[in-house]
Amino acid sequence: MNKLLKIIVVLVIMATFGEVSHGAEYLKSVEFTEKNIAKNITWSGKEWITDTYPPKISQNSVDFVKTEENENVKTELKNYRYIYVWTGNDYLVYQSIPDYRKYDRQKYMYRLSADFQQILNIYEIPNWITKMAFTDDKIFIETKNVYPQKDGERVLGISYGDYGIYYSTDCFEWRKFDFEGYDLIGLNNQLFIGNSLYFDGDITKILYETYSGYPKYKVGQYLCGIDYKNEYKTDNNTVLAFSKDGIYWVYMIVDRANGQGVSEVGDEILIQKDYGTYYVGDKEKVFSQLREKLPNNPVYVKFDGNILGFDVPPIIEDGSTLVPMRFLFEQMGADVEWDSETQTATAMLDNKTVTFSIDNVNARINNKSAKMDVPARLVNGKTMVPLRFLSENMGYDVDWDADSRTAIIKDI
């Protein structure tokens, strides 16, 4: 019955908009097997490294070599668990598991020499670090505090609070980032905070057509997320989303239930099932598909100051940019009528009406004949329309930023 209902809904959408509800690309399924992983390993930026001191390091995540211990460093770091981040010259080291017993004490981060033998600096930090990223010649940290929940002196549990994002150029002076958001992740000198992009001092919100998540994990040179609201999500699978830029995504359905997080170790992608238990898949089998499916040198569209994350990325035909019709018109507030027999769409906004057909350059503007440079196309089930022609005839201007390959739609 549920399957029949979904088919009916899809047919209604197609009759209205001439396209399927989710035109994004899906990767072929890759087998993920359950595996217990006892030791905590992360990629420092230089090597795979354990979270202990002295750490064990590896270039292949299989053969680990224990580094030499320094007694003074050991005394300072004690037996806590740490994250090691390679800066290019040395390591920034911070505690990986927040300690609720120190909720009201100063927290610290360490700069450790490349040979792990010397603490070069000890920095006061605003709170426990949960994530770190480098961009725009700054170090960004995502922080939180952990509080004990007590009944008298008895600790019943813990709670979290005081979330914040801070940045610094020297690790001594930290400034709170003037932006409400969380889930910090950096890639290719860009910084993502939830579904917003920070670049060159500016914050831009990303509006996704159907993706319900945002960049949350990094696997190799790809951003990753778990799409809990994907139309193909069931109680028995996990839907992964991958992107090179945080704007355009492709998806992979993994026949493993309730994935809680995504990471990588060596040649494997890990989907966390629970503490110490993971679903493990071959990274290259996924990456080879990503190299094929994700767009190279894509075109972006900004509307009302936001970047539009279309399911199907814009394409360029004979110098004209074509974008998915439905999501663009939704952002403009336009009404659309679709004639499935003639494959003709009529878009109405205020006192403007534009009519056009698939694979036909002839159009009508307020019932007057007009000609488009290129016709509308049907791509991966999505109706793609000429951006400049439609936008300008709906009352907008379109500017082109060649450096970022971005079409910027503005009110006239």
Protein backbone atom coordinates (compact mmCIF):
# COMPACT_ATOMS: atom_id res chain seq x y z
CA MET A 1 0.00 0.00 0.00
CA ASN A 2 2.83 2.42 0.92
CA LYS A 3 4.60 1.65 -2.36
CA LEU A 4 1.40 2.33 -4.32
CA LEU A 5 0.91 5.63 -2.48
CA LYS A 6 4.48 6.71 -3.32
CA ILE A 7 3.90 5.95 -7.01
CA ILE A 8 0.71 8.04 -6.97
CA VAL A 9 2.53 10.96 -5.32
CA VAL A 10 5.33 10.82 -7.92
CA LEU A 11 2.81 10.78 -10.77
CA VAL A 12 1.02 13.81 -9.31
CA ILE A 13 4.31 15.73 -9.09
CA MET A 14 5.23 14.75 -12.64
CA ALA A 15 1.82 15.91 -13.88
CA THR A 16 2.29 19.24 -12.12
CA PHE A 17 5.93 19.99 -12.87
CA GLY A 18 6.87 17.58 -15.62
CA GLU A 19 9.66 16.04 -13.53
CA VAL A 20 10.36 13.41 -10.89
CA SER A 21 10.60 14.43 -7.23
CA HIS A 22 14.25 13.51 -6.80
CA GLY A 23 16.44 13.78 -9.88
CA ALA A 24 19.78 13.52 -8.09
CA GLU A 25 22.35 10.88 -9.00
CA TYR A 26 22.63 7.64 -7.02
CA LEU A 27 25.76 5.52 -6.80
CA LYS A 28 25.73 1.79 -7.26
CA SER A 29 25.49 -0.07 -3.98
CA VAL A 30 28.76 -1.03 -2.27
CA GLU A 31 28.89 -3.85 0.26
CA PHE A 32 29.44 -2.80 3.88
CA THR A 33 30.27 -5.51 6.41
CA GLU A 34 30.12 -5.29 10.19
CA LYS A 35 33.46 -4.93 11.96
CA ASN A 36 34.66 -4.26 15.50
CA ILE A 37 37.37 -1.60 15.77
CA ALA A 38 38.86 -1.31 19.24
CA LYS A 39 41.45 1.45 18.87
CA ASN A 40 40.59 5.03 18.05
CA ILE A 41 42.46 6.17 14.94
CA THR A 42 42.27 9.49 13.09
CA TRP A 43 44.03 11.09 10.13
CA SER A 44 46.24 13.88 11.44
CA GLY A 45 46.84 15.43 8.04
CA LYS A 46 50.18 13.65 7.85
CA GLU A 47 49.56 10.07 8.97
CA TRP A 48 47.10 7.76 10.70
CA ILE A 49 47.55 8.20 14.42
CA THR A 50 46.14 6.75 17.63
CA ASP A 51 44.66 8.96 20.34
CA THR A 52 47.18 8.04 23.04
CA TYR A 53 50.50 9.48 24.17
CA PRO A 54 52.94 8.45 22.96
CA PRO A 55 50.90 7.83 19.81
CA LYS A 56 51.34 5.06 17.30
CA ILE A 57 51.53 6.21 13.68
CA SER A 58 50.99 4.57 10.31
CA GLN A 59 50.89 5.48 6.63
CA ASN A 60 48.51 2.64 5.73
CA SER A 61 46.35 2.40 8.91
CA VAL A 62 47.47 -1.23 9.30
CA ASP A 63 51.13 -1.28 10.33
CA PHE A 64 51.61 1.04 13.30
CA VAL A 65 54.87 2.16 14.85
CA LYS A 66 55.02 3.45 18.41
CA THR A 67 56.72 6.81 18.77
CA GLU A 68 59.28 7.53 21.45
CA GLU A 69 57.94 8.68 24.81
CA ASN A 70 59.08 11.85 26.55
CA GLU A 71 58.51 11.79 30.29
CA ASN A 72 57.84 15.53 30.60
CA VAL A 73 55.26 15.44 27.81
CA LYS A 74 53.71 12.32 29.31
CA THR A 75 53.41 14.01 32.71
CA GLU A 76 51.62 17.00 31.19
CA LEU A 77 49.28 15.06 28.91
CA LYS A 78 48.64 12.30 31.43
CA ASN A 79 46.51 9.40 30.17
CA TYR A 80 43.77 11.34 28.42
CA ARG A 81 42.68 10.67 24.84
CA TYR A 82 43.78 13.22 22.27
CA ILE A 83 43.25 14.37 18.70
CA TYR A 84 46.47 15.23 16.82
CA VAL A 85 46.21 17.80 14.00
CA TRP A 86 49.24 18.34 11.75
CA THR A 87 49.84 22.02 10.94
CA GLY A 88 52.66 21.50 8.44
CA ASN A 89 55.39 22.02 11.05
CA ASP A 90 54.05 20.53 14.28
CA TYR A 91 50.88 19.21 15.91
CA LEU A 92 47.99 20.91 17.63
CA VAL A 93 46.73 18.48 20.25
CA TYR A 94 43.45 18.63 22.14
CA GLN A 95 41.52 16.26 24.36
CA SER A 96 39.14 14.10 22.34
CA ILE A 97 36.73 13.21 25.16
CA PRO A 98 35.43 16.18 27.21
CA ASP A 99 35.79 15.66 30.97
CA TYR A 100 32.67 16.67 32.91
CA ARG A 101 34.77 16.92 36.07
CA LYS A 102 36.50 19.97 34.57
CA TYR A 103 33.37 21.80 33.43
CA ASP A 104 34.26 24.83 35.59
CA ARG A 105 38.03 24.79 34.91
CA GLN A 106 40.21 26.26 32.21
CA LYS A 107 40.65 24.04 29.15
CA TYR A 108 43.89 23.75 27.18
CA MET A 109 45.29 22.89 23.77
CA TYR A 110 48.93 21.92 23.17
CA ARG A 111 51.40 22.53 20.37
CA LEU A 112 53.59 19.44 20.13
CA SER A 113 56.84 19.12 18.19
CA ALA A 114 56.95 17.01 15.04
CA ASP A 115 58.85 14.25 16.87
CA PHE A 116 56.37 14.27 19.81
CA GLN A 117 59.22 15.04 22.21
CA GLN A 118 58.47 18.62 23.24
CA ILE A 119 55.49 20.75 24.16
CA LEU A 120 56.15 23.98 22.28
CA ASN A 121 53.18 25.93 23.68
CA ILE A 122 50.17 25.51 25.91
CA TYR A 123 47.11 27.54 24.91
CA GLU A 124 44.03 28.45 26.88
CA ILE A 125 40.92 27.66 24.85
CA PRO A 126 37.32 28.85 25.38
CA ASN A 127 35.93 25.35 25.95
CA TRP A 128 36.28 21.71 24.97
CA ILE A 129 37.09 21.41 21.26
CA THR A 130 34.84 19.12 19.23
CA LYS A 131 36.05 20.07 15.72
CA MET A 132 38.86 22.08 14.15
CA ALA A 133 39.37 23.55 10.68
CA PHE A 134 41.86 25.84 8.93
CA THR A 135 40.83 28.45 6.39
CA ASP A 136 41.40 32.10 5.53
CA ASP A 137 44.69 32.05 7.52
CA LYS A 138 42.69 31.32 10.66
CA ILE A 139 42.15 28.38 12.98
CA PHE A 140 38.48 27.71 13.68
CA ILE A 141 37.31 25.57 16.57
CA GLU A 142 33.87 24.29 17.46
CA THR A 143 33.44 24.03 21.23
CA LYS A 144 31.04 22.91 23.92
CA ASN A 145 31.03 22.28 27.65
CA VAL A 146 30.01 19.13 29.50
CA TYR A 147 28.22 19.39 32.82
CA PRO A 148 27.56 16.70 35.45
CA GLN A 149 23.96 16.04 36.38
CA LYS A 150 24.05 15.39 40.11
CA ASP A 151 21.88 14.17 42.94
CA GLY A 152 23.88 15.50 45.85
CA GLU A 153 27.41 14.26 45.17
CA ARG A 154 26.24 11.42 42.98
CA VAL A 155 26.67 11.93 39.22
CA LEU A 156 23.60 10.64 37.39
CA GLY A 157 24.59 11.69 33.89
CA ILE A 158 25.98 14.52 31.81
CA SER A 159 24.54 17.38 29.80
CA TYR A 160 25.99 19.64 27.09
CA GLY A 161 25.85 23.38 26.61
CA ASP A 162 27.74 26.60 25.84
CA TYR A 163 28.15 25.72 22.17
CA GLY A 164 30.27 28.14 20.19
CA ILE A 165 32.61 28.65 17.25
CA TYR A 166 35.81 30.62 17.78
CA TYR A 167 38.70 31.63 15.56
CA SER A 168 42.28 32.76 16.06
CA THR A 169 45.37 33.57 14.03
CA ASP A 170 47.84 32.65 16.80
CA CYS A 171 45.97 30.30 19.20
CA PHE A 172 46.44 32.81 22.03
CA GLU A 173 43.60 35.23 21.37
CA TRP A 174 40.25 33.62 20.51
CA ARG A 175 37.30 35.53 19.11
CA LYS A 176 33.79 34.16 19.04
CA PHE A 177 32.45 33.81 15.52
CA ASP A 178 29.43 36.05 15.08
CA PHE A 179 27.20 33.39 13.59
CA GLU A 180 24.66 31.03 15.12
CA GLY A 181 25.48 27.56 13.86
CA TYR A 182 27.25 24.31 14.58
CA ASP A 183 28.90 21.33 12.90
CA LEU A 184 32.11 22.90 11.65
CA ILE A 185 34.00 21.29 8.78
CA GLY A 186 36.67 22.59 6.41
CA LEU A 187 37.53 21.56 2.86
CA ASN A 188 39.65 23.22 0.14
CA ASN A 189 40.04 26.49 2.06
CA GLN A 190 36.29 26.70 2.54
CA LEU A 191 34.51 26.42 5.86
CA PHE A 192 31.05 24.92 6.30
CA ILE A 193 28.95 25.61 9.38
CA GLY A 194 25.80 23.55 9.09
CA ASN A 195 24.25 24.50 5.77
CA SER A 196 26.16 27.78 5.49
CA LEU A 197 29.42 28.44 3.66
CA TYR A 198 32.16 30.74 4.94
CA PHE A 199 34.62 31.95 2.35
CA ASP A 200 36.86 35.00 2.20
CA GLY A 201 35.12 36.63 5.17
CA ASP A 202 31.55 36.12 3.94
CA ILE A 203 28.82 33.75 5.14
CA THR A 204 26.34 32.43 2.57
CA LYS A 205 23.44 30.12 3.30
CA ILE A 206 22.92 27.07 1.08
CA LEU A 207 19.31 26.16 0.24
CA TYR A 208 19.00 22.52 -0.82
CA GLU A 209 16.26 21.39 -3.16
CA THR A 210 15.63 18.09 -1.37
CA TYR A 211 18.74 17.19 0.67
CA SER A 212 17.71 17.30 4.33
CA GLY A 213 21.23 17.38 5.79
CA TYR A 214 24.41 19.41 5.42
CA PRO A 215 28.17 18.78 5.28
CA LYS A 216 28.99 16.99 8.53
CA TYR A 217 31.85 14.57 7.83
CA LYS A 218 34.90 14.48 5.60
CA VAL A 219 36.02 11.33 3.81
CA GLY A 220 39.16 11.88 1.77
CA GLN A 221 38.55 15.00 -0.33
CA TYR A 222 34.79 14.62 -0.16
CA LEU A 223 32.19 15.99 2.19
CA CYS A 224 29.70 13.50 3.51
CA GLY A 225 26.44 13.40 5.39
CA ILE A 226 23.62 11.02 6.29
CA ASP A 227 20.29 11.88 4.65
CA TYR A 228 17.76 10.77 7.25
CA LYS A 229 14.81 12.14 5.25
CA ASN A 230 15.76 10.82 1.82
CA GLU A 231 12.76 9.41 -0.03
CA TYR A 232 14.49 6.01 -0.24
CA LYS A 233 15.37 5.89 3.47
CA THR A 234 13.87 2.95 5.35
CA ASP A 235 14.33 1.40 8.78
CA ASN A 236 16.71 -1.11 7.21
CA ASN A 237 19.16 1.13 5.36
CA THR A 238 21.38 4.21 5.62
CA VAL A 239 21.47 6.84 2.85
CA LEU A 240 24.87 8.50 2.48
CA ALA A 241 25.31 11.82 0.66
CA PHE A 242 28.63 12.88 -0.91
CA SER A 243 29.78 16.21 -2.32
CA LYS A 244 32.95 17.95 -3.51
CA ASP A 245 31.68 21.45 -2.77
CA GLY A 246 28.84 21.14 -0.23
CA ILE A 247 26.40 22.39 -2.88
CA TYR A 248 25.71 19.47 -5.21
CA TRP A 249 25.30 15.95 -3.83
CA VAL A 250 25.07 12.37 -4.98
CA TYR A 251 23.69 9.56 -2.88
CA MET A 252 24.37 5.94 -2.04
CA ILE A 253 21.96 3.56 -0.33
CA VAL A 254 23.72 1.22 2.10
CA ASP A 255 21.77 -1.84 3.16
CA ARG A 256 22.74 -1.36 6.80
CA ALA A 257 20.37 0.16 9.34
CA ASN A 258 20.76 3.20 11.57
CA GLY A 259 24.17 4.57 10.65
CA GLN A 260 25.23 7.12 13.28
CA GLY A 261 28.31 8.72 11.72
CA VAL A 262 30.81 8.45 8.87
CA SER A 263 34.62 8.35 8.94
CA GLU A 264 37.52 6.64 7.20
CA VAL A 265 40.50 4.51 8.11
CA GLY A 266 43.00 3.58 5.42
CA ASP A 267 41.22 2.06 2.44
CA GLU A 268 37.87 1.80 4.21
CA ILE A 269 34.82 3.98 4.79
CA LEU A 270 33.31 3.46 8.23
CA ILE A 271 29.66 3.94 9.14
CA GLN A 272 29.30 3.82 12.89
CA LYS A 273 26.70 1.40 14.18
CA ASP A 274 27.43 1.86 17.89
CA TYR A 275 30.47 2.26 20.11
CA GLY A 276 33.29 0.15 18.67
CA THR A 277 31.13 -1.40 15.94
CA TYR A 278 31.14 -0.16 12.34
CA TYR A 279 29.90 -1.04 8.89
CA VAL A 280 32.97 -1.06 6.66
CA GLY A 281 33.10 -0.60 2.88
CA ASP A 282 35.81 -0.32 0.24
CA LYS A 283 36.68 3.37 -0.16
CA GLU A 284 37.91 3.15 -3.75
CA LYS A 285 34.69 1.46 -4.89
CA VAL A 286 32.86 4.56 -3.65
CA PHE A 287 35.45 7.13 -4.75
CA SER A 288 35.65 5.77 -8.30
CA GLN A 289 31.92 6.44 -8.68
CA LEU A 290 32.19 9.88 -7.08
CA ARG A 291 34.86 10.90 -9.59
CA GLU A 292 32.42 10.00 -12.36
CA LYS A 293 29.16 11.31 -10.90
CA LEU A 294 30.07 14.57 -9.15
CA PRO A 295 30.35 17.56 -11.49
CA ASN A 296 33.73 19.01 -12.38
CA ASN A 297 33.93 22.80 -12.61
CA PRO A 298 30.19 23.25 -11.90
CA VAL A 299 28.06 26.35 -12.29
CA TYR A 300 26.45 27.89 -9.20
CA VAL A 301 23.37 30.04 -8.79
CA LYS A 302 22.74 32.65 -6.08
CA PHE A 303 19.27 33.99 -5.45
CA ASP A 304 18.29 36.43 -2.71
CA GLY A 305 21.82 36.06 -1.29
CA ASN A 306 21.59 32.26 -0.96
CA ILE A 307 23.30 29.55 -2.99
CA LEU A 308 20.80 27.15 -4.55
CA GLY A 309 21.73 23.50 -4.08
CA PHE A 310 19.86 21.90 -6.97
CA ASP A 311 19.36 18.13 -7.14
CA VAL A 312 20.64 18.29 -10.72
CA PRO A 313 23.49 20.80 -11.18
CA PRO A 314 23.05 23.52 -13.82
CA ILE A 315 24.41 22.81 -17.28
CA ILE A 316 25.74 25.11 -19.99
CA GLU A 317 24.50 24.77 -23.55
CA ASP A 318 25.82 27.10 -26.26
CA GLY A 319 26.85 29.63 -23.63
CA SER A 320 23.50 29.61 -21.81
CA THR A 321 23.02 28.30 -18.27
CA LEU A 322 20.11 25.91 -17.77
CA VAL A 323 18.83 25.23 -14.24
CA PRO A 324 16.11 23.00 -12.74
CA MET A 325 12.79 24.77 -13.18
CA ARG A 326 10.82 23.74 -10.10
CA PHE A 327 13.29 24.78 -7.39
CA LEU A 328 14.13 28.08 -9.10
CA PHE A 329 10.49 29.06 -9.48
CA GLU A 330 9.76 28.02 -5.88
CA GLN A 331 12.42 30.49 -4.71
CA MET A 332 10.98 33.25 -6.91
CA GLY A 333 7.47 32.57 -5.63
CA ALA A 334 6.18 31.88 -9.15
CA ASP A 335 3.22 29.64 -9.94
CA VAL A 336 3.68 27.00 -12.63
CA GLU A 337 1.19 25.17 -14.80
CA TRP A 338 2.32 22.12 -16.75
CA ASP A 339 0.68 20.62 -19.84
CA SER A 340 1.99 17.05 -20.00
CA GLU A 341 0.61 16.41 -23.51
CA THR A 342 2.52 19.29 -25.13
CA GLN A 343 5.31 19.40 -22.49
CA THR A 344 4.64 23.08 -22.06
CA ALA A 345 5.12 25.09 -18.87
CA THR A 346 3.54 28.44 -18.00
CA ALA A 347 5.18 30.41 -15.19
CA MET A 348 3.30 33.31 -13.56
CA LEU A 349 4.73 35.90 -11.19
CA ASP A 350 2.90 39.15 -10.39
CA ASN A 351 1.77 40.49 -13.79
CA LYS A 352 4.29 38.50 -15.83
CA THR A 353 3.56 35.25 -17.66
CA VAL A 354 6.13 33.18 -19.56
CA THR A 355 5.24 30.08 -21.57
CA PHE A 356 7.80 27.67 -23.02
CA SER A 357 8.11 24.05 -24.16
CA ILE A 358 10.72 21.31 -23.92
CA ASP A 359 13.19 21.31 -26.87
CA ASN A 360 11.59 24.41 -28.40
CA VAL A 361 13.25 27.84 -28.57
CA ASN A 362 9.95 29.59 -29.23
CA ALA A 363 8.32 31.08 -26.13
CA ARG A 364 5.59 33.58 -25.23
CA ILE A 365 5.93 36.50 -22.80
CA ASN A 366 2.59 37.96 -21.71
CA ASN A 367 1.16 36.21 -24.79
CA LYS A 368 3.69 37.83 -27.15
CA SER A 369 6.12 35.77 -29.22
CA ALA A 370 9.73 35.55 -28.05
CA LYS A 371 12.71 33.35 -28.81
CA MET A 372 15.16 31.78 -26.38
CA ASP A 373 18.83 31.26 -27.21
CA VAL A 374 18.46 27.61 -26.18
CA PRO A 375 15.32 25.60 -25.39
CA ALA A 376 14.31 24.03 -22.10
CA ARG A 377 15.61 20.48 -21.70
CA LEU A 378 14.70 17.37 -19.74
CA VAL A 379 17.79 16.11 -17.81
CA ASN A 380 17.66 13.22 -15.31
CA GLY A 381 13.93 13.74 -14.97
CA LYS A 382 14.29 17.47 -14.28
CA THR A 383 12.98 20.26 -16.50
CA MET A 384 16.00 22.53 -17.11
CA VAL A 385 15.24 26.09 -18.16
CA PRO A 386 17.43 28.92 -19.58
CA LEU A 387 18.30 30.92 -16.46
CA ARG A 388 18.86 34.37 -17.94
CA PHE A 389 15.85 34.35 -20.28
CA LEU A 390 13.43 33.15 -17.63
CA SER A 391 14.82 35.31 -14.82
CA GLU A 392 14.92 38.54 -16.80
CA ASN A 393 11.40 38.00 -18.09
CA MET A 394 10.18 37.33 -14.55
CA GLY A 395 11.53 40.70 -13.40
CA TYR A 396 15.12 39.93 -12.35
CA ASP A 397 18.65 40.76 -13.51
CA VAL A 398 21.35 38.09 -13.82
CA ASP A 399 25.03 38.87 -13.25
CA TRP A 400 27.85 36.45 -13.99
CA ASP A 401 30.88 36.05 -11.70
CA ALA A 402 33.43 34.32 -13.92
CA ASP A 403 35.92 33.63 -11.10
CA SER A 404 33.46 31.58 -9.06
CA ARG A 405 31.34 30.49 -12.06
CA THR A 406 28.28 31.86 -10.31
CA ALA A 407 25.11 33.33 -11.81
CA ILE A 408 23.71 35.92 -9.41
CA ILE A 409 19.97 36.66 -9.70
CA LYS A 410 19.02 40.12 -8.45
CA ASP A 411 15.87 42.22 -8.26
CA ILE A 412 15.71 44.88 -10.92
